Amino acid sequence: MRAGGARLSVLQCKFAAWLSWSQPFIHQLVQGIGRSVDNVVVCNRTENLDRFPVDRVVRFPVRYTTEPRLALLAAAHLERSYRPDVIHAHFGWSGLRMLLMRQYLRIPLLVTFGGRDLAVQLPQPEFEPLYRVLFQACEQLVCVSDDLRQGLLDQGVEPDRVEVIRRGTDLARFAFVDRTTRSDAGPLRALMVGRLIEKKGHRDAFAALAELASEGRALELSVLGEGEDYAALRRRARELGVRERIQFIGTTDHAGVRDRMAAADVLLHCSVTGRDGDKEGIPNVVVEAEATGLPVVATRHGGIVEVVRDGETGILVPEHDPKAIAAALRTLGDRETRLRVGRAAGAFARAEFDLERQVARYVAIYEKLVARYSRESERMRSNFLPDDVSDLLDRSLRVQTELSIAELSERFVKGRSFDVAFANDDGRAGLLERAYGLKRLIPQSVKFPAKMLLGRALLQAIALRKRFARHGQVEDPEEIDRRVERFFREGGSLDVEGDDWGVVDDLLRWHPDLRDRD
């Protein structure tokens, strides 16, 4: 709480989009937190607002997080409209996008790390120096698993600044399913939920299915999700002779996931470390499945070992070991074993992964940070940003695999359509979202190959445009950037409440939209 009992205002930052179909756990968390604080979602585009509605959302293009003069406009809008107290970035990528905001707004920055940020982005030369800055700039770092916490400690982050808050589950939505009345006739029904990418281990699951099929065992697999490996996985299923036993379902909403879990006998989650180093934190689908009483067969990978008790709530197997997966499925083919493990899984999820506990811990962190750091405290006034922060941020935007087509498009098209950055703060879907939603109509077999080709073309076009750009402004935008950086590096503050804005007013004079404060 603020002084006088007013609710805290928290910027819930999720870049690029609020919100991917595969991240419902973020929506659950933010909804729960919203009972205690005033949330403002910050992103550069929205999608799936019908599934993941929010009351207040601020959208601004990626340039407004990397170019100091534009970041100042975004910060001024946030300050004027919401007077935020805390920045909460969901995953390291979002934390990087908020580095300039942290400096301009002078409020504490909390980042939750989820897995890919530390395993894949951090080691890349385009990201490593930025993450070093982020580690220093954060007032609090949170990890979803002990494994990730150790990764941060290995990077030299002080232990007292790192907490572990495992992903909780809304147990009211994922209620325990009584499977004792279900007939044991018919095939064993396995379920996989997640993006169709290398890290999720679908190939190993298919190989295990082929081994069981060769023994004459009755088993079916439902695959829920979409991703760039869709076409390759369908081919692999045909090569193994199990295509008829596998149903590719695509994406669905929360209710669809619950229905599939209720109908299944076993959840398969065969995560592996990707060739790019990508690995899991704690997959929320594993906790959700356990909450419904669904036994889990999963790999000893990342934070999975913290949510599956081997032999009690599920069975853990080594990575890339189809034979071990097949053996685990044989074990759970026994009805009594399956029911026993499922009951233990449900009890474990309720005891350890209730969303309300997670919500309470985050709210307590917000209150602690606000009590400890005022805007005028020494830490809030200090500068964590290097002189070349703009160049570092720009370098990170050249890694195609970390950017969506929408982000690349907005970088290329710098017209006024993208400068209307602060519209629709009421949480309604805007024109861009409605247009972007058309991607749901594109078949997976076309969508992801086209995305890669278009992404490469856009990156090349952006590079050419930058090389031959000629600025028509009275003042060079890069010179304005340098003035903005110098002003805040020397301790200047963003004061948008007084009538005299002083230096900030001078810096913003070229953008008349912001001067209209009525």
Protein backbone atom coordinates (compact mmCIF):
# COMPACT_ATOMS: atom_id res chain seq x y z
CA MET A 1 0.00 0.00 0.00
CA ARG A 2 1.04 3.59 -0.60
CA ALA A 3 0.98 6.14 2.17
CA GLY A 4 -2.59 6.83 3.15
CA GLY A 5 -3.77 3.35 2.22
CA ALA A 6 -3.89 3.89 -1.58
CA ARG A 7 -3.31 0.83 -3.73
CA LEU A 8 0.05 0.37 -5.44
CA SER A 9 0.26 0.88 -9.20
CA VAL A 10 2.28 -1.88 -10.90
CA LEU A 11 3.44 -2.02 -14.51
CA GLN A 12 3.05 -5.66 -15.59
CA CYS A 13 5.40 -5.81 -18.58
CA LYS A 14 5.19 -8.60 -21.15
CA PHE A 15 7.06 -8.08 -24.40
CA ALA A 16 6.45 -8.51 -27.16
CA ALA A 17 2.82 -9.54 -26.83
CA TRP A 18 0.13 -9.77 -24.23
CA LEU A 19 -0.44 -12.70 -24.45
CA SER A 20 0.61 -15.88 -26.21
CA TRP A 21 -1.82 -18.83 -26.06
CA SER A 22 0.94 -20.85 -24.34
CA GLN A 23 1.29 -18.45 -21.36
CA PRO A 24 -2.05 -18.53 -19.50
CA PHE A 25 -0.15 -18.77 -16.20
CA ILE A 26 0.91 -15.12 -16.58
CA HIS A 27 -2.70 -14.05 -16.94
CA GLN A 28 -3.71 -16.09 -13.89
CA LEU A 29 -0.94 -14.50 -11.83
CA VAL A 30 -1.69 -10.94 -12.93
CA GLN A 31 -5.42 -11.43 -12.34
CA GLY A 32 -4.71 -12.65 -8.81
CA ILE A 33 -2.32 -9.79 -8.10
CA GLY A 34 -4.95 -7.36 -9.40
CA ARG A 35 -7.09 -7.98 -6.35
CA SER A 36 -4.48 -6.15 -4.26
CA VAL A 37 -2.86 -3.63 -6.62
CA ASP A 38 -3.74 -1.60 -9.73
CA ASN A 39 -2.19 -3.42 -12.68
CA VAL A 40 -1.25 -1.74 -15.96
CA VAL A 41 -0.19 -4.18 -18.67
CA VAL A 42 2.67 -2.81 -20.80
CA CYS A 43 3.48 -4.46 -24.13
CA ASN A 44 4.05 -3.53 -27.75
CA ARG A 45 1.09 -5.44 -29.12
CA THR A 46 -1.88 -7.46 -27.89
CA GLU A 47 -3.30 -10.77 -29.01
CA ASN A 48 -5.78 -13.21 -27.48
CA LEU A 49 -7.48 -10.49 -25.47
CA ASP A 50 -10.64 -12.57 -25.70
CA ARG A 51 -8.86 -15.31 -23.73
CA PHE A 52 -6.74 -13.06 -21.50
CA PRO A 53 -8.66 -9.81 -20.88
CA VAL A 54 -7.16 -6.87 -18.98
CA ASP A 55 -8.61 -3.59 -17.72
CA ARG A 56 -5.69 -1.32 -18.60
CA VAL A 57 -3.10 -1.90 -21.30
CA VAL A 58 -0.48 0.44 -22.76
CA ARG A 59 0.94 -0.53 -26.12
CA PHE A 60 3.97 1.09 -27.65
CA PRO A 61 6.24 -0.04 -30.49
CA VAL A 62 9.60 -1.64 -29.86
CA ARG A 63 11.36 1.63 -30.80
CA TYR A 64 9.85 3.22 -27.70
CA THR A 65 11.93 0.87 -25.54
CA THR A 66 15.26 1.23 -27.35
CA GLU A 67 15.54 4.84 -28.56
CA PRO A 68 15.98 7.18 -25.56
CA ARG A 69 13.92 10.07 -26.96
CA LEU A 70 10.96 7.75 -27.68
CA ALA A 71 11.38 5.88 -24.39
CA LEU A 72 11.10 9.25 -22.68
CA LEU A 73 7.73 9.80 -24.36
CA ALA A 74 6.53 6.40 -23.19
CA ALA A 75 7.80 7.00 -19.65
CA ALA A 76 6.12 10.41 -19.52
CA HIS A 77 2.81 8.87 -20.62
CA LEU A 78 3.05 6.12 -17.97
CA GLU A 79 3.97 8.62 -15.27
CA ARG A 80 1.25 11.09 -16.18
CA SER A 81 -1.49 8.47 -16.57
CA TYR A 82 -0.73 5.91 -13.85
CA ARG A 83 1.95 7.22 -11.45
CA PRO A 84 3.47 3.69 -11.21
CA ASP A 85 5.24 2.39 -8.10
CA VAL A 86 6.87 -0.83 -9.36
CA ILE A 87 7.88 -2.39 -12.68
CA HIS A 88 7.33 -6.17 -12.87
CA ALA A 89 8.86 -7.65 -16.04
CA HIS A 90 7.78 -11.14 -16.97
CA PHE A 91 10.98 -12.83 -18.15
CA GLY A 92 14.38 -11.39 -18.89
CA TRP A 93 13.51 -10.18 -22.38
CA SER A 94 10.84 -7.89 -20.93
CA GLY A 95 13.31 -6.70 -18.30
CA LEU A 96 15.73 -5.62 -21.02
CA ARG A 97 12.93 -3.66 -22.68
CA MET A 98 12.28 -1.76 -19.43
CA LEU A 99 15.84 -0.67 -18.68
CA LEU A 100 15.27 2.88 -19.93
CA MET A 101 11.91 3.05 -18.12
CA ARG A 102 13.59 2.02 -14.86
CA GLN A 103 16.04 4.88 -15.26
CA TYR A 104 13.46 7.49 -16.24
CA LEU A 105 10.66 6.58 -13.81
CA ARG A 106 12.95 5.98 -10.82
CA ILE A 107 10.90 3.08 -9.47
CA PRO A 108 12.00 -0.43 -8.46
CA LEU A 109 12.36 -3.11 -11.14
CA LEU A 110 11.43 -6.74 -10.45
CA VAL A 111 12.13 -9.40 -13.11
CA THR A 112 10.81 -12.96 -13.10
CA PHE A 113 13.08 -15.34 -15.02
CA GLY A 114 11.48 -18.32 -16.71
CA GLY A 115 14.14 -20.41 -18.48
CA ARG A 116 14.81 -19.38 -22.07
CA ASP A 117 16.03 -15.95 -20.97
CA LEU A 118 18.96 -17.38 -19.00
CA ALA A 119 19.61 -20.51 -21.05
CA VAL A 120 19.39 -19.13 -24.60
CA GLN A 121 19.52 -15.32 -24.60
CA LEU A 122 22.12 -14.64 -21.92
CA PRO A 123 24.98 -16.56 -23.63
CA GLN A 124 24.51 -14.75 -26.95
CA PRO A 125 26.94 -11.88 -27.64
CA GLU A 126 24.02 -9.58 -28.57
CA PHE A 127 22.44 -10.11 -25.15
CA GLU A 128 25.19 -10.88 -22.63
CA PRO A 129 26.25 -7.26 -21.97
CA LEU A 130 22.61 -6.18 -21.67
CA TYR A 131 21.86 -8.88 -19.12
CA ARG A 132 24.86 -7.71 -17.09
CA VAL A 133 23.25 -4.27 -16.96
CA LEU A 134 19.87 -5.80 -16.07
CA PHE A 135 21.27 -7.81 -13.16
CA GLN A 136 22.67 -4.62 -11.69
CA ALA A 137 19.57 -2.52 -12.38
CA CYS A 138 17.07 -4.93 -10.76
CA GLU A 139 16.03 -4.38 -7.19
CA GLN A 140 14.66 -7.94 -7.05
CA LEU A 141 15.05 -11.06 -9.20
CA VAL A 142 12.63 -13.99 -9.03
CA CYS A 143 13.09 -17.46 -10.53
CA VAL A 144 10.46 -20.13 -11.04
CA SER A 145 12.83 -22.94 -10.00
CA ASP A 146 15.86 -23.64 -7.83
CA ASP A 147 17.72 -24.63 -10.99
CA LEU A 148 17.29 -21.15 -12.46
CA ARG A 149 18.19 -19.49 -9.17
CA GLN A 150 21.50 -21.35 -9.20
CA GLY A 151 22.04 -20.11 -12.74
CA LEU A 152 21.69 -16.51 -11.54
CA LEU A 153 24.01 -17.11 -8.61
CA ASP A 154 26.55 -18.55 -11.04
CA GLN A 155 26.37 -15.22 -12.88
CA GLY A 156 27.42 -13.40 -9.71
CA VAL A 157 24.02 -12.08 -8.59
CA GLU A 158 23.89 -11.63 -4.81
CA PRO A 159 21.81 -14.38 -3.10
CA ASP A 160 19.73 -11.90 -1.10
CA ARG A 161 18.38 -10.37 -4.33
CA VAL A 162 17.13 -13.68 -5.78
CA GLU A 163 13.97 -15.48 -4.65
CA VAL A 164 12.29 -18.64 -5.93
CA ILE A 165 8.54 -18.46 -6.49
CA ARG A 166 7.33 -21.53 -8.32
CA ARG A 167 4.45 -21.16 -10.72
CA GLY A 168 1.16 -21.68 -8.99
CA THR A 169 -2.04 -23.05 -10.49
CA ASP A 170 -5.59 -21.83 -10.13
CA LEU A 171 -6.87 -24.96 -8.39
CA ALA A 172 -10.46 -23.81 -8.83
CA ARG A 173 -9.99 -24.09 -12.61
CA PHE A 174 -8.01 -27.32 -12.58
CA ALA A 175 -10.09 -29.38 -10.19
CA PHE A 176 -9.29 -32.97 -9.29
CA VAL A 177 -10.94 -35.48 -11.66
CA ASP A 178 -12.24 -38.73 -10.18
CA ARG A 179 -11.06 -41.42 -12.60
CA THR A 180 -12.03 -44.43 -10.48
CA THR A 181 -15.31 -44.91 -12.35
CA ARG A 182 -13.63 -44.89 -15.75
CA SER A 183 -13.55 -48.16 -17.65
CA ASP A 184 -10.14 -49.68 -18.28
CA ALA A 185 -11.23 -50.87 -21.71
CA GLY A 186 -9.69 -49.27 -24.76
CA PRO A 187 -6.25 -47.78 -25.36
CA LEU A 188 -4.14 -45.89 -22.83
CA ARG A 189 -4.71 -42.21 -23.60
CA ALA A 190 -1.60 -40.02 -23.37
CA LEU A 191 -1.55 -36.24 -23.74
CA MET A 192 1.20 -33.74 -24.63
CA VAL A 193 0.60 -29.99 -24.21
CA GLY A 194 3.06 -27.37 -25.42
CA ARG A 195 4.64 -25.66 -28.38
CA LEU A 196 5.81 -27.90 -31.20
CA ILE A 197 9.49 -27.12 -30.81
CA GLU A 198 12.62 -29.17 -30.17
CA LYS A 199 12.68 -28.43 -26.43
CA LYS A 200 9.38 -30.24 -25.78
CA GLY A 201 10.76 -33.65 -26.84
CA HIS A 202 7.94 -34.79 -29.12
CA ARG A 203 10.31 -36.94 -31.21
CA ASP A 204 11.29 -39.03 -28.19
CA ALA A 205 7.64 -39.48 -27.24
CA PHE A 206 6.81 -40.63 -30.78
CA ALA A 207 9.68 -43.14 -30.70
CA ALA A 208 8.40 -44.54 -27.39
CA LEU A 209 4.93 -44.83 -28.88
CA ALA A 210 6.36 -46.75 -31.83
CA GLU A 211 8.10 -49.20 -29.49
CA LEU A 212 4.87 -49.87 -27.58
CA ALA A 213 2.94 -50.23 -30.83
CA SER A 214 5.42 -52.88 -32.02
CA GLU A 215 4.53 -54.88 -28.89
CA GLY A 216 0.85 -54.72 -29.77
CA ARG A 217 -0.03 -52.37 -26.91
CA ALA A 218 -3.04 -50.11 -27.35
CA LEU A 219 -2.03 -46.49 -26.84
CA GLU A 220 -3.11 -43.16 -28.35
CA LEU A 221 -1.44 -39.76 -28.09
CA SER A 222 -3.12 -36.35 -28.35
CA VAL A 223 -0.73 -33.49 -29.16
CA LEU A 224 -2.04 -30.06 -28.13
CA GLY A 225 -0.20 -27.01 -29.43
CA GLU A 226 1.39 -25.48 -32.49
CA GLY A 227 4.90 -24.47 -33.51
CA GLU A 228 7.57 -24.44 -36.17
CA ASP A 229 8.20 -28.22 -35.94
CA TYR A 230 4.62 -29.10 -36.93
CA ALA A 231 5.39 -30.37 -40.45
CA ALA A 232 8.55 -32.20 -39.37
CA LEU A 233 6.74 -33.96 -36.52
CA ARG A 234 3.95 -35.14 -38.78
CA ARG A 235 6.57 -36.57 -41.14
CA ARG A 236 8.35 -38.25 -38.24
CA ALA A 237 5.12 -39.84 -37.03
CA ARG A 238 4.54 -41.29 -40.51
CA GLU A 239 8.12 -42.60 -40.70
CA LEU A 240 7.67 -44.40 -37.36
CA GLY A 241 4.36 -45.89 -38.48
CA VAL A 242 2.34 -44.27 -35.67
CA ARG A 243 0.62 -41.42 -37.51
CA GLU A 244 -2.80 -43.05 -37.02
CA ARG A 245 -2.22 -43.20 -33.26
CA ILE A 246 -1.40 -39.47 -32.93
CA GLN A 247 -3.95 -36.66 -33.05
CA PHE A 248 -2.58 -33.17 -33.72
CA ILE A 249 -5.12 -30.83 -32.13
CA GLY A 250 -3.63 -27.35 -32.47
CA THR A 251 -4.24 -24.68 -29.83
CA THR A 252 -7.17 -24.26 -27.49
CA ASP A 253 -8.18 -22.24 -24.45
CA HIS A 254 -8.09 -23.09 -20.75
CA ALA A 255 -11.36 -24.98 -20.90
CA GLY A 256 -10.08 -27.04 -23.82
CA VAL A 257 -6.90 -27.97 -21.94
CA ARG A 258 -8.94 -29.01 -18.88
CA ASP A 259 -11.23 -31.15 -21.01
CA ARG A 260 -8.28 -32.90 -22.65
CA MET A 261 -6.64 -33.52 -19.28
CA ALA A 262 -9.88 -34.89 -17.85
CA ALA A 263 -10.13 -37.35 -20.74
CA ALA A 264 -6.47 -38.44 -20.59
CA ASP A 265 -4.81 -41.19 -18.55
CA VAL A 266 -1.21 -39.88 -18.59
CA LEU A 267 0.55 -36.60 -19.33
CA LEU A 268 3.80 -36.85 -21.30
CA HIS A 269 6.27 -33.98 -20.91
CA CYS A 270 9.57 -35.12 -22.43
CA SER A 271 11.54 -31.84 -22.31
CA VAL A 272 15.12 -31.80 -23.56
CA THR A 273 17.82 -29.16 -23.71
CA GLY A 274 17.67 -27.66 -27.19
CA ARG A 275 20.65 -27.34 -29.46
CA ASP A 276 20.58 -23.60 -28.71
CA GLY A 277 20.70 -24.32 -24.95
CA ASP A 278 17.00 -23.68 -24.41
CA LYS A 279 15.50 -25.45 -21.40
CA GLU A 280 12.47 -25.31 -19.15
CA GLY A 281 11.97 -23.58 -15.85
CA ILE A 282 8.86 -25.21 -14.40
CA PRO A 283 6.28 -26.11 -17.07
CA ASN A 284 2.91 -24.96 -15.80
CA VAL A 285 1.13 -27.71 -17.67
CA VAL A 286 2.81 -30.30 -15.44
CA VAL A 287 1.44 -28.66 -12.29
CA GLU A 288 -2.01 -28.29 -13.88
CA ALA A 289 -2.04 -31.95 -14.86
CA GLU A 290 -1.04 -33.03 -11.36
CA ALA A 291 -3.80 -30.86 -9.90
CA THR A 292 -6.37 -32.82 -11.93
CA GLY A 293 -4.92 -36.11 -10.68
CA LEU A 294 -3.21 -36.93 -13.98
CA PRO A 295 0.00 -38.97 -13.56
CA VAL A 296 3.02 -37.46 -15.32
CA VAL A 297 5.84 -39.06 -17.30
CA ALA A 298 8.55 -36.40 -17.61
CA THR A 299 12.26 -35.99 -18.12
CA ARG A 300 14.85 -35.07 -15.50
CA HIS A 301 15.21 -31.60 -16.92
CA GLY A 302 15.40 -28.09 -15.48
CA GLY A 303 12.81 -27.42 -12.81
CA ILE A 304 10.67 -30.46 -13.68
CA VAL A 305 12.44 -32.46 -10.97
CA GLU A 306 11.04 -29.96 -8.44
CA VAL A 307 7.39 -30.62 -9.38
CA VAL A 308 7.36 -34.35 -10.15
CA ARG A 309 8.21 -36.76 -7.34
CA ASP A 310 9.62 -39.81 -9.07
CA GLY A 311 7.56 -42.91 -8.36
CA GLU A 312 5.05 -40.95 -6.29
CA THR A 313 3.32 -38.27 -8.44
CA GLY A 314 4.78 -39.47 -11.71
CA ILE A 315 7.82 -41.09 -13.29
CA LEU A 316 11.01 -39.27 -14.25
CA VAL A 317 13.18 -40.50 -17.11
CA PRO A 318 16.46 -39.32 -18.68
CA GLU A 319 16.40 -36.91 -21.59
CA HIS A 320 16.45 -38.43 -25.10
CA ASP A 321 15.53 -41.91 -23.83
CA PRO A 322 12.48 -43.30 -25.68
CA LYS A 323 12.98 -46.73 -24.10
CA ALA A 324 12.67 -45.25 -20.60
CA ILE A 325 9.55 -43.36 -21.68
CA ALA A 326 8.07 -46.59 -23.02
CA ALA A 327 8.90 -48.40 -19.76
CA ALA A 328 7.20 -45.65 -17.73
CA LEU A 329 4.07 -45.91 -19.89
CA ARG A 330 4.03 -49.68 -19.38
CA THR A 331 4.11 -49.09 -15.61
CA LEU A 332 1.25 -46.59 -15.77
CA GLY A 333 -0.68 -48.91 -18.05
CA ASP A 334 -1.70 -50.68 -14.85
CA ARG A 335 -4.96 -49.08 -13.69
CA GLU A 336 -4.36 -49.33 -9.94
CA THR A 337 -0.87 -47.88 -10.25
CA ARG A 338 -2.20 -45.04 -12.35
CA LEU A 339 -4.95 -44.19 -9.85
CA ARG A 340 -2.55 -44.31 -6.90
CA VAL A 341 -0.05 -42.01 -8.59
CA GLY A 342 -2.83 -39.67 -9.71
CA ARG A 343 -4.20 -39.28 -6.17
CA ALA A 344 -0.71 -38.45 -4.90
CA ALA A 345 -0.22 -35.94 -7.74
CA GLY A 346 -3.44 -34.12 -6.88
CA ALA A 347 -2.58 -33.88 -3.19
CA PHE A 348 0.96 -32.68 -3.98
CA ALA A 349 -0.24 -29.92 -6.33
CA ARG A 350 -2.72 -28.62 -3.77
CA ALA A 351 -0.17 -28.60 -0.99
CA GLU A 352 2.69 -26.97 -2.92
CA PHE A 353 1.44 -25.04 -5.95
CA ASP A 354 -1.64 -23.06 -5.01
CA LEU A 355 -1.75 -19.83 -7.06
CA GLU A 356 -2.92 -17.81 -4.04
CA ARG A 357 0.40 -18.42 -2.28
CA GLN A 358 2.27 -17.20 -5.33
CA VAL A 359 0.11 -14.07 -5.57
CA ALA A 360 0.64 -13.24 -1.89
CA ARG A 361 4.42 -13.54 -2.21
CA TYR A 362 4.57 -11.19 -5.20
CA VAL A 363 2.37 -8.58 -3.50
CA ALA A 364 4.63 -8.78 -0.43
CA ILE A 365 7.67 -8.14 -2.65
CA TYR A 366 6.01 -5.09 -4.22
CA GLU A 367 5.25 -3.65 -0.80
CA LYS A 368 8.77 -4.35 0.42
CA LEU A 369 10.34 -2.64 -2.59
CA VAL A 370 8.14 0.45 -2.30
CA ALA A 371 8.85 0.73 1.42
CA ARG A 372 12.59 0.41 0.83
CA TYR A 373 13.06 2.66 -2.20
CA SER A 374 11.61 6.11 -2.71
CA ARG A 375 12.03 7.90 -6.03
CA GLU A 376 14.60 10.15 -4.43
CA SER A 377 16.59 7.42 -2.69
CA GLU A 378 20.23 7.09 -3.62
CA ARG A 379 19.68 3.83 -5.53
CA MET A 380 16.79 5.25 -7.54
CA ARG A 381 18.84 8.32 -8.46
CA SER A 382 21.92 6.31 -9.42
CA ASN A 383 22.59 5.45 -13.05
CA PHE A 384 23.04 1.82 -14.10
CA LEU A 385 23.07 2.38 -17.83
CA PRO A 386 26.35 2.42 -19.79
CA ASP A 387 27.06 5.13 -22.33
CA ASP A 388 26.44 2.70 -25.18
CA VAL A 389 23.07 1.40 -23.92
CA SER A 390 21.29 2.50 -27.10
CA ASP A 391 23.72 0.54 -29.25
CA LEU A 392 23.38 -2.52 -26.99
CA LEU A 393 19.59 -2.39 -27.22
CA ASP A 394 19.76 -1.99 -30.98
CA ARG A 395 22.07 -5.00 -31.30
CA SER A 396 19.56 -7.18 -29.44
CA LEU A 397 16.96 -6.32 -32.08
CA ARG A 398 19.01 -7.97 -34.82
CA VAL A 399 18.44 -11.50 -33.54
CA GLN A 400 15.60 -12.75 -35.71
CA THR A 401 14.72 -15.75 -33.55
CA GLU A 402 13.85 -13.45 -30.63
CA LEU A 403 11.51 -11.16 -32.58
CA SER A 404 8.01 -11.59 -33.93
CA ILE A 405 6.93 -10.59 -37.42
CA ALA A 406 4.80 -7.83 -35.86
CA GLU A 407 7.85 -6.33 -34.14
CA LEU A 408 9.96 -6.49 -37.28
CA SER A 409 7.13 -4.92 -39.27
CA GLU A 410 6.73 -2.01 -36.88
CA ARG A 411 10.48 -1.35 -37.00
CA PHE A 412 10.34 -1.22 -40.79
CA VAL A 413 7.13 0.82 -41.07
CA LYS A 414 7.81 3.99 -39.11
CA GLY A 415 4.72 5.84 -40.21
CA ARG A 416 2.10 7.50 -38.06
CA SER A 417 0.10 4.28 -37.79
CA PHE A 418 2.70 3.00 -35.39
CA ASP A 419 3.21 6.30 -33.61
CA VAL A 420 -0.32 6.14 -32.19
CA ALA A 421 1.35 4.23 -29.43
CA PHE A 422 -0.75 5.01 -26.42
CA ALA A 423 -4.26 4.41 -27.73
CA ASN A 424 -6.79 1.91 -26.35
CA ASP A 425 -5.54 1.99 -22.76
CA ASP A 426 -8.92 0.56 -21.75
CA GLY A 427 -7.96 -3.02 -22.66
CA ARG A 428 -10.02 -3.30 -25.83
CA ALA A 429 -8.58 -4.94 -28.93
CA GLY A 430 -7.18 -2.41 -31.37
CA LEU A 431 -6.89 -2.56 -35.15
CA LEU A 432 -3.43 -4.13 -35.05
CA GLU A 433 -4.62 -6.93 -32.79
CA ARG A 434 -7.62 -7.66 -34.95
CA ALA A 435 -5.42 -7.80 -38.03
CA TYR A 436 -2.79 -9.93 -36.26
CA GLY A 437 -5.52 -12.32 -35.15
CA LEU A 438 -5.95 -13.40 -38.77
CA LYS A 439 -2.87 -15.58 -38.33
CA ARG A 440 -5.14 -18.10 -36.62
CA LEU A 441 -6.62 -18.82 -40.04
CA ILE A 442 -3.27 -19.77 -41.58
CA PRO A 443 -2.43 -23.52 -41.50
CA GLN A 444 0.57 -24.47 -39.35
CA SER A 445 2.29 -26.09 -42.33
CA VAL A 446 2.36 -22.66 -44.02
CA LYS A 447 2.55 -20.28 -41.07
CA PHE A 448 5.95 -21.10 -39.60
CA PRO A 449 8.05 -21.53 -42.80
CA ALA A 450 6.55 -18.24 -44.06
CA LYS A 451 7.40 -16.57 -40.75
CA MET A 452 11.08 -17.49 -41.05
CA LEU A 453 11.33 -16.28 -44.65
CA LEU A 454 9.48 -13.04 -43.96
CA GLY A 455 11.53 -12.41 -40.82
CA ARG A 456 14.82 -12.65 -42.69
CA ALA A 457 13.51 -10.36 -45.43
CA LEU A 458 12.35 -7.74 -42.93
CA LEU A 459 15.68 -7.74 -41.08
CA GLN A 460 17.53 -7.15 -44.34
CA ALA A 461 15.09 -4.39 -45.29
CA ILE A 462 15.51 -2.70 -41.89
CA ALA A 463 19.30 -2.78 -42.24
CA LEU A 464 19.13 -1.24 -45.74
CA ARG A 465 16.67 1.41 -44.61
CA LYS A 466 18.90 2.41 -41.71
CA ARG A 467 21.96 2.56 -43.95
CA PHE A 468 20.37 4.91 -46.47
CA ALA A 469 18.08 6.86 -44.11
CA ARG A 470 18.06 10.61 -44.39
CA HIS A 471 16.54 12.48 -41.46
CA GLY A 472 14.38 15.46 -42.35
CA GLN A 473 13.97 16.71 -38.80
CA VAL A 474 15.26 20.10 -37.77
CA GLU A 475 17.36 18.37 -35.14
CA ASP A 476 19.11 15.03 -35.50
CA PRO A 477 17.16 12.40 -33.48
CA GLU A 478 20.40 10.78 -32.36
CA GLU A 479 21.52 14.08 -30.87
CA ILE A 480 18.23 14.24 -28.94
CA ASP A 481 18.94 10.70 -27.71
CA ARG A 482 22.34 11.79 -26.42
CA ARG A 483 20.81 14.76 -24.60
CA VAL A 484 18.17 12.56 -22.98
CA GLU A 485 20.77 10.04 -21.83
CA ARG A 486 23.04 12.76 -20.48
CA PHE A 487 20.18 14.44 -18.59
CA PHE A 488 19.19 11.27 -16.72
CA ARG A 489 22.76 10.09 -16.25
CA GLU A 490 23.44 13.33 -14.40
CA GLY A 491 20.53 12.75 -12.01
CA GLY A 492 17.67 14.45 -13.80
CA SER A 493 14.14 13.29 -13.06
CA LEU A 494 10.90 12.93 -14.98
CA ASP A 495 8.60 15.48 -13.38
CA VAL A 496 5.38 15.65 -15.35
CA GLU A 497 3.18 17.00 -12.59
CA GLY A 498 4.39 20.57 -12.36
CA ASP A 499 3.55 23.37 -14.79
CA ASP A 500 7.20 23.92 -15.58
CA TRP A 501 8.76 20.78 -17.04
CA GLY A 502 12.17 22.38 -17.29
CA VAL A 503 14.73 20.33 -19.20
CA VAL A 504 12.29 17.48 -19.88
CA ASP A 505 9.87 19.93 -21.47
CA ASP A 506 12.67 21.16 -23.70
CA LEU A 507 13.62 17.63 -24.69
CA LEU A 508 10.04 16.81 -25.62
CA ARG A 509 9.20 20.00 -27.49
CA TRP A 510 9.51 18.29 -30.89
CA HIS A 511 6.60 15.96 -30.06
CA PRO A 512 3.47 18.18 -29.69
CA ASP A 513 1.14 15.25 -28.90
CA LEU A 514 2.61 14.88 -25.42
CA ARG A 515 2.17 18.58 -24.66
CA ASP A 516 -1.60 18.20 -24.98
CA ARG A 517 -2.27 17.16 -21.40
CA ASP A 518 -6.01 17.78 -21.26
